[in-house]
Protein backbone atom coordinates (compact mmCIF):
# COMPACT_ATOMS: atom_id res chain seq x y z
CA UNK A 1 137.79 148.75 251.28
CA UNK A 2 140.46 151.26 250.26
CA UNK A 3 138.99 154.76 249.99
CA UNK A 4 140.39 157.87 248.35
CA UNK A 5 139.33 161.49 248.49
CA UNK A 6 138.78 163.77 245.50
CA UNK A 7 140.53 166.59 247.33
CA UNK A 8 139.29 169.47 245.18
CA UNK A 9 135.72 168.13 245.41
CA UNK A 10 135.68 167.02 249.03
CA UNK A 11 134.26 163.64 247.96
CA UNK A 12 135.35 160.24 249.24
CA UNK A 13 135.05 157.15 247.04
CA UNK A 14 136.04 153.53 247.08
CA UNK A 15 139.22 153.08 245.06
CA UNK A 16 137.54 150.17 243.25
CA UNK A 17 134.69 151.25 241.00
CA UNK A 18 132.15 148.87 239.46
CA UNK A 19 132.16 149.26 235.67
CA UNK A 20 128.78 148.29 234.21
CA UNK A 21 129.83 147.54 230.63
CA UNK A 22 130.57 143.80 230.87
CA UNK A 23 127.78 142.21 232.91
CA UNK A 24 127.27 138.45 232.48
CA UNK A 25 124.79 137.57 229.72
CA UNK A 26 121.92 135.11 229.46
CA UNK A 27 121.32 132.73 226.54
CA UNK A 28 119.65 135.49 224.53
CA UNK A 29 122.61 137.82 224.93
CA UNK A 30 120.86 140.12 227.41
CA UNK A 31 122.08 141.03 230.89
CA UNK A 32 121.79 138.06 233.25
CA UNK A 33 120.01 140.23 235.79
CA UNK A 34 119.98 137.75 238.66
CA UNK A 35 123.73 137.11 238.49
CA UNK A 36 124.61 140.75 237.78
CA UNK A 37 122.52 141.98 240.71
CA UNK A 38 124.25 139.45 242.95
CA UNK A 39 127.60 140.87 241.82
CA UNK A 40 126.62 144.50 242.45
CA UNK A 41 125.16 143.64 245.86
CA UNK A 42 128.33 141.83 246.91
CA UNK A 43 130.49 144.74 245.77
CA UNK A 44 128.41 147.30 247.66
CA UNK A 45 128.24 145.12 250.78
CA UNK A 46 132.04 145.04 250.71
CA UNK A 47 132.54 148.77 250.41
CA UNK A 48 132.32 149.68 246.70
CA UNK A 49 130.60 153.07 246.38
CA UNK A 50 131.41 154.16 242.79
CA UNK A 51 129.09 152.74 240.10
CA UNK A 52 129.91 153.59 236.46
CA UNK A 53 127.57 153.06 233.52
CA UNK A 54 126.89 154.79 230.18
CA UNK A 55 124.13 155.46 227.66
CA UNK A 56 125.20 152.79 225.10
CA UNK A 57 126.35 149.98 227.44
CA UNK A 58 124.58 146.67 226.83
CA UNK A 59 122.63 148.23 223.94
CA UNK A 60 121.14 150.80 226.27
CA UNK A 61 120.06 148.31 228.94
CA UNK A 62 122.84 149.00 231.45
CA UNK A 63 121.43 152.28 232.77
CA UNK A 64 117.95 150.77 233.17
CA UNK A 65 119.27 147.73 235.01
CA UNK A 66 121.66 149.69 237.23
CA UNK A 67 118.91 152.14 238.16
CA UNK A 68 116.62 149.29 239.15
CA UNK A 69 119.25 147.55 241.31
CA UNK A 70 120.35 150.75 243.07
CA UNK A 71 116.80 151.66 244.16
CA UNK A 72 117.23 149.36 247.16
CA UNK A 73 120.09 151.55 248.44
CA UNK A 74 120.06 154.98 250.04
CA UNK A 75 120.88 157.54 247.33
CA UNK A 76 123.59 159.07 249.51
CA UNK A 77 125.36 155.73 250.01
CA UNK A 78 126.84 155.51 246.50
CA UNK A 79 128.15 157.76 243.73
CA UNK A 80 126.72 157.24 240.27
CA UNK A 81 128.55 157.98 237.03
CA UNK A 82 127.18 157.95 233.50
CA UNK A 83 128.14 159.51 230.19
CA UNK A 84 126.78 161.70 227.41
CA UNK A 85 127.17 160.02 223.97
CA UNK A 86 128.63 162.91 221.99
CA UNK A 87 128.34 160.96 218.71
CA UNK A 88 124.52 161.03 219.07
CA UNK A 89 124.33 164.81 219.35
CA UNK A 90 123.40 167.28 216.61
CA UNK A 91 122.25 170.15 218.83
CA UNK A 92 122.33 171.33 222.42
CA UNK A 93 118.65 170.47 222.71
CA UNK A 94 119.38 166.90 221.65
CA UNK A 95 122.02 166.65 224.37
CA UNK A 96 119.55 167.82 227.02
CA UNK A 97 116.94 165.34 225.78
CA UNK A 98 119.42 162.48 226.06
CA UNK A 99 120.44 163.58 229.56
CA UNK A 100 116.83 163.76 230.74
CA UNK A 101 116.24 160.27 229.29
CA UNK A 102 119.24 159.03 231.27
CA UNK A 103 117.76 160.37 234.52
CA UNK A 104 114.55 158.46 233.72
CA UNK A 105 116.44 155.27 232.87
CA UNK A 106 118.44 155.47 236.07
CA UNK A 107 115.37 156.61 238.05
CA UNK A 108 117.35 159.28 239.91
CA UNK A 109 117.09 163.03 240.37
CA UNK A 110 120.78 163.69 239.76
CA UNK A 111 124.03 162.11 238.56
CA UNK A 112 127.13 162.48 240.73
CA UNK A 113 129.82 162.15 238.04
CA UNK A 114 128.78 163.06 234.49
CA UNK A 115 131.21 162.52 231.62
CA UNK A 116 131.43 163.65 228.03
CA UNK A 117 131.94 160.18 226.59
CA UNK A 118 135.03 158.99 224.69
CA UNK A 119 136.31 162.38 223.56
CA UNK A 120 138.62 162.59 220.59
CA UNK A 121 139.42 165.48 218.27
CA UNK A 122 136.20 165.24 216.23
CA UNK A 123 133.92 164.78 219.24
CA UNK A 124 135.61 167.70 220.99
CA UNK A 125 134.79 169.89 218.00
CA UNK A 126 131.13 168.91 218.45
CA UNK A 127 131.29 169.73 222.16
CA UNK A 128 132.45 173.24 221.29
CA UNK A 129 130.08 173.68 218.35
CA UNK A 130 126.97 172.79 220.34
CA UNK A 131 128.12 174.44 223.59
CA UNK A 132 127.79 171.21 225.55
CA UNK A 133 129.89 172.46 228.45
CA UNK A 134 127.55 175.42 228.84
CA UNK A 135 124.61 172.98 228.91
CA UNK A 136 126.30 170.89 231.60
CA UNK A 137 126.90 174.03 233.65
CA UNK A 138 123.14 174.70 233.46
CA UNK A 139 122.45 171.15 234.61
CA UNK A 140 124.83 171.72 237.50
CA UNK A 141 122.93 174.83 238.54
CA UNK A 142 119.70 172.85 238.33
CA UNK A 143 121.16 170.25 240.71
CA UNK A 144 121.05 167.46 238.13
CA UNK A 145 124.82 167.05 237.83
CA UNK A 146 127.31 167.32 240.68
CA UNK A 147 130.66 166.91 238.92
CA UNK A 148 131.61 167.26 235.26
CA UNK A 149 134.39 165.37 233.52
CA UNK A 150 135.23 163.49 230.35
CA UNK A 151 136.58 160.15 229.19
CA UNK A 152 139.21 160.17 226.49
CA UNK A 153 140.45 158.15 223.48
CA UNK A 154 142.95 160.02 221.31
CA UNK A 155 146.53 161.28 221.28
CA UNK A 156 148.16 163.32 224.06
CA UNK A 157 148.11 166.57 222.08
CA UNK A 158 144.31 166.41 221.89
CA UNK A 159 144.11 165.51 225.58
CA UNK A 160 146.21 168.54 226.51
CA UNK A 161 143.96 170.81 224.47
CA UNK A 162 140.83 169.48 226.19
CA UNK A 163 142.09 169.32 229.76
CA UNK A 164 143.48 172.88 229.65
CA UNK A 165 140.28 174.30 228.15
CA UNK A 166 138.07 174.03 231.23
CA UNK A 167 138.48 173.52 235.01
CA UNK A 168 137.22 169.94 234.94
CA UNK A 169 136.17 168.26 238.17
CA UNK A 170 137.81 164.99 237.04
CA UNK A 171 138.78 163.04 233.94
CA UNK A 172 138.83 159.37 232.97
CA UNK A 173 141.73 157.75 231.12
CA UNK A 174 142.56 154.32 229.73
CA UNK A 175 145.64 153.29 231.71
CA UNK A 176 147.39 149.97 232.27
CA UNK A 177 150.98 148.84 232.47
CA UNK A 178 151.04 147.88 228.79
CA UNK A 179 149.64 151.14 227.41
CA UNK A 180 151.43 153.97 229.17
CA UNK A 181 152.96 155.23 225.92
CA UNK A 182 149.75 155.44 223.87
CA UNK A 183 146.73 157.79 224.00
CA UNK A 184 147.11 160.20 226.96
CA UNK A 185 149.30 157.66 228.80
CA UNK A 186 151.90 158.66 231.34
CA UNK A 187 152.10 162.21 229.98
CA UNK A 188 148.37 162.53 230.58
CA UNK A 189 148.72 161.29 234.14
CA UNK A 190 151.47 163.82 234.80
CA UNK A 191 149.53 166.73 233.29
CA UNK A 192 146.33 165.91 235.17
CA UNK A 193 148.34 165.72 238.39
CA UNK A 194 150.01 169.06 237.61
CA UNK A 195 146.58 170.66 237.08
CA UNK A 196 145.14 168.95 240.20
CA UNK A 197 142.45 167.19 238.19
CA UNK A 198 141.52 163.83 239.76
CA UNK A 199 141.80 160.69 237.66
CA UNK A 200 139.39 157.82 237.16
CA UNK A 201 141.05 154.86 235.43
CA UNK A 202 139.37 152.61 232.86
CA UNK A 203 140.74 149.42 231.26
CA UNK A 204 143.29 148.77 234.05
CA UNK A 205 143.40 145.08 233.06
CA UNK A 206 143.30 145.86 229.33
CA UNK A 207 139.91 144.27 228.72
CA UNK A 208 140.97 141.18 230.70
CA UNK A 209 144.16 140.56 228.72
CA UNK A 210 146.39 141.16 231.75
CA UNK A 211 144.47 138.62 233.86
CA UNK A 212 145.67 135.72 231.71
CA UNK A 213 149.30 135.74 230.60
CA UNK A 214 151.76 133.24 229.08
CA UNK A 215 153.23 130.78 231.61
CA UNK A 216 156.75 132.22 231.54
CA UNK A 217 155.41 135.72 232.24
CA UNK A 218 153.00 134.50 234.90
CA UNK A 219 155.93 132.89 236.72
CA UNK A 220 157.59 136.31 237.03
CA UNK A 221 154.69 137.39 239.22
CA UNK A 222 154.13 134.06 240.98
CA UNK A 223 157.76 133.71 242.02
CA UNK A 224 157.38 136.89 244.02
CA UNK A 225 153.86 136.22 245.39
CA UNK A 226 152.27 132.87 244.54
CA UNK A 227 148.87 133.88 245.95
CA UNK A 228 148.36 137.23 244.21
CA UNK A 229 146.19 137.13 241.09
CA UNK A 230 147.51 138.57 237.84
CA UNK A 231 144.62 141.04 237.87
CA UNK A 232 145.68 142.34 241.28
CA UNK A 233 149.10 143.33 239.92
CA UNK A 234 147.49 145.31 237.10
CA UNK A 235 145.06 147.04 239.47
CA UNK A 236 147.74 147.94 242.00
CA UNK A 237 149.95 149.33 239.24
CA UNK A 238 147.40 151.96 238.22
CA UNK A 239 146.51 152.59 241.87
CA UNK A 240 150.12 153.60 242.45
CA UNK A 241 149.97 156.33 239.78
CA UNK A 242 149.64 159.90 241.16
CA UNK A 243 146.17 161.43 241.27
CA UNK A 244 144.19 158.21 240.77
CA UNK A 245 140.99 158.23 242.85
CA UNK A 246 138.91 155.44 241.28
CA UNK A 247 139.90 152.32 239.32
CA UNK A 248 137.05 150.91 237.25
CA UNK A 249 136.80 147.20 236.66
CA UNK A 250 134.22 145.87 234.20
CA UNK A 251 133.57 142.63 236.03
CA UNK A 252 131.83 139.79 234.20
CA UNK A 253 131.76 137.03 236.82
CA UNK A 254 131.14 136.79 240.54
CA UNK A 255 134.63 135.34 240.96
CA UNK A 256 136.14 138.49 239.41
CA UNK A 257 134.22 140.62 241.90
CA UNK A 258 135.52 138.51 244.78
CA UNK A 259 139.11 138.70 243.57
CA UNK A 260 138.96 142.48 243.08
CA UNK A 261 137.36 143.01 246.48
CA UNK A 262 140.21 141.01 248.02
CA UNK A 263 142.75 143.24 246.27
CA UNK A 264 141.21 146.46 247.58
CA UNK A 265 140.30 145.33 251.09
CA UNK A 266 143.95 144.90 251.98
CA UNK A 267 145.28 147.34 249.41
CA UNK A 268 148.88 148.50 249.20
CA UNK A 269 150.55 150.57 246.49
CA UNK A 270 153.30 148.70 244.67
CA UNK A 271 156.69 148.77 246.34
CA UNK A 272 159.67 149.70 244.19
CA UNK A 273 160.62 146.01 243.96
CA UNK A 274 157.09 145.12 242.81
CA UNK A 275 157.03 148.01 240.36
CA UNK A 276 160.29 146.75 238.85
CA UNK A 277 158.66 143.33 238.32
CA UNK A 278 155.67 144.90 236.56
CA UNK A 279 157.92 146.94 234.29
CA UNK A 280 159.98 143.83 233.48
CA UNK A 281 156.77 142.00 232.57
CA UNK A 282 155.68 144.88 230.36
CA UNK A 283 159.07 144.94 228.61
CA UNK A 284 158.89 141.17 228.05
CA UNK A 285 155.41 141.38 226.54
CA UNK A 286 156.27 144.41 224.42
CA UNK A 287 159.29 142.54 223.03
CA UNK A 288 156.85 140.05 221.45
CA UNK A 289 155.03 142.76 219.54
CA UNK A 290 155.10 142.16 215.79
CA UNK A 291 154.99 145.86 214.91
CA UNK A 292 154.72 149.18 216.69
CA UNK A 293 151.15 150.14 215.80
CA UNK A 294 149.68 152.32 218.55
CA UNK A 295 146.12 152.31 217.22
CA UNK A 296 146.19 156.06 216.53
CA UNK A 297 144.22 155.55 213.26
CA UNK A 298 146.10 158.25 211.34
CA UNK A 299 146.32 155.66 208.55
CA UNK A 300 142.54 155.57 208.26
CA UNK A 301 140.30 155.49 206.40
CA UNK A 302 141.75 152.98 203.99
CA UNK A 303 140.42 153.64 200.45
CA UNK A 304 139.55 149.94 200.17
CA UNK A 305 138.00 149.50 203.63
CA UNK A 306 140.79 147.64 205.42
CA UNK A 307 140.61 148.18 209.20
CA UNK A 308 144.36 148.56 209.62
CA UNK A 309 144.49 149.21 213.41
CA UNK A 310 142.23 146.23 214.22
CA UNK A 311 144.26 143.91 211.99
CA UNK A 312 147.46 144.92 213.75
CA UNK A 313 145.87 144.80 217.23
CA UNK A 314 144.73 141.19 216.87
CA UNK A 315 147.98 140.19 215.19
CA UNK A 316 150.14 141.73 217.90
CA UNK A 317 148.00 140.41 220.76
CA UNK A 318 148.12 136.91 219.31
CA UNK A 319 151.87 136.84 219.99
CA UNK A 320 152.09 139.13 223.02
CA UNK A 321 149.58 137.13 225.09
CA UNK A 322 150.32 133.73 223.54
CA UNK A 323 146.63 133.11 222.90
CA UNK A 324 146.37 132.38 219.19
CA UNK A 325 142.86 130.96 219.29
CA UNK A 326 141.36 133.96 221.07
CA UNK A 327 142.83 136.61 218.79
CA UNK A 328 142.54 134.63 215.57
CA UNK A 329 138.83 134.27 216.35
CA UNK A 330 138.56 138.03 216.81
CA UNK A 331 140.45 138.58 213.57
CA UNK A 332 138.12 136.23 211.69
CA UNK A 333 135.13 138.18 213.04
CA UNK A 334 136.21 141.23 211.04
CA UNK A 335 134.13 141.98 207.96
CA UNK A 336 135.68 140.57 204.78
CA UNK A 337 136.49 144.01 203.39
CA UNK A 338 138.19 144.98 206.66
CA UNK A 339 140.68 142.11 206.66
CA UNK A 340 144.35 142.44 205.75
CA UNK A 341 143.88 140.31 202.63
CA UNK A 342 141.92 143.14 201.01
CA UNK A 343 144.95 145.47 200.95
CA UNK A 344 145.60 146.73 197.41
CA UNK A 345 149.08 148.07 198.33
CA UNK A 346 148.25 151.63 197.30
CA UNK A 347 150.50 153.00 200.07
CA UNK A 348 148.18 155.84 201.15
CA UNK A 349 148.32 154.60 204.74
CA UNK A 350 152.11 154.66 204.97
CA UNK A 351 152.24 158.35 204.04
CA UNK A 352 150.11 159.13 207.12
CA UNK A 353 151.64 156.75 209.69
CA UNK A 354 153.44 158.66 212.52
CA UNK A 355 155.37 155.47 213.37
CA UNK A 356 156.56 155.12 209.75
CA UNK A 357 155.50 151.46 209.74
CA UNK A 358 155.81 149.27 206.65
CA UNK A 359 152.06 148.78 206.68
CA UNK A 360 151.73 147.03 203.33
CA UNK A 361 154.40 144.46 204.16
CA UNK A 362 153.00 143.94 207.64
CA UNK A 363 149.48 143.36 206.35
CA UNK A 364 150.88 140.52 204.23
CA UNK A 365 152.40 139.05 207.40
CA UNK A 366 149.04 139.36 209.14
CA UNK A 367 147.44 137.25 206.40
CA UNK A 368 150.13 134.59 206.78
CA UNK A 369 150.19 134.48 210.59
CA UNK A 370 146.45 134.69 211.19
CA UNK A 371 145.75 131.77 208.84
CA UNK A 372 143.46 133.53 206.40
């Protein structure tokens, strides 16, 4: 198993981390504990040491389940990460109460990597208002947290403000070869590297989208290496980025665990030739995008309740990944008031759009293409 060292922390970790957000489910929609435990055991037996969960995963059941499974292992044999749900907090005391409940759920005395979860501009304001960093420093002194970081979902300018504010032990970013120009993206990678802040990567396979691609795009990879899985290309891409120490994969099947283990047992960064192939694939997929929505949500809220970013995400992905059924189903799952057909053409969204998109016209195209 490929290992990397958090140089500033003196900590070694498996490059592959087990993300505990997408466990297999039973018929009732709960974690299939027997299958999920089998998956975790196999990963650990094959060298995975970084286990990542969070307070809300699986409706709060992930931490409980992970804690139960990990009791069979020596506490020093793995590193455990979980996250503080900033959206639940209305005081510093509330944050401490949630943290203490997480220790009980996980049945541990300390958390190795503790993250302020899914920071954006509004959540960061709450962190400052309730002095959450100061609380986490207290928890560090008490021996209940080893390393403090944050995960992030907003624009680069917000990321720069947060990462320069405090000497973080690490940070976690959404990175994959399709999304290097949105959220923190490549600029975030470069800034974290400049500041010597280690990176943990989430969504390297874009929620599974990069593991199943149209045939013509798949052939671009298979012509070069017929045996390599599509997922392995996506994982190796982010592993080649500077400063990356852990790549999280939210594995849902035993076969996914096996494939990822194979990738990281004989791991190599992408060569320049391989990197060129990945970039060509990304350009090909991006060329099929129907509009340039980045999901920044500056257009929101819509006065009439239309979820503009979700409409455009499903519409774009329908054509990018050539999987109409999958993304039309997701589109149809939107609440009626959130669908493109509810647009009243008031134009408020277009005044706020940084990309200067013709949102009203594009929402009409969504209705036509998605078969509403």
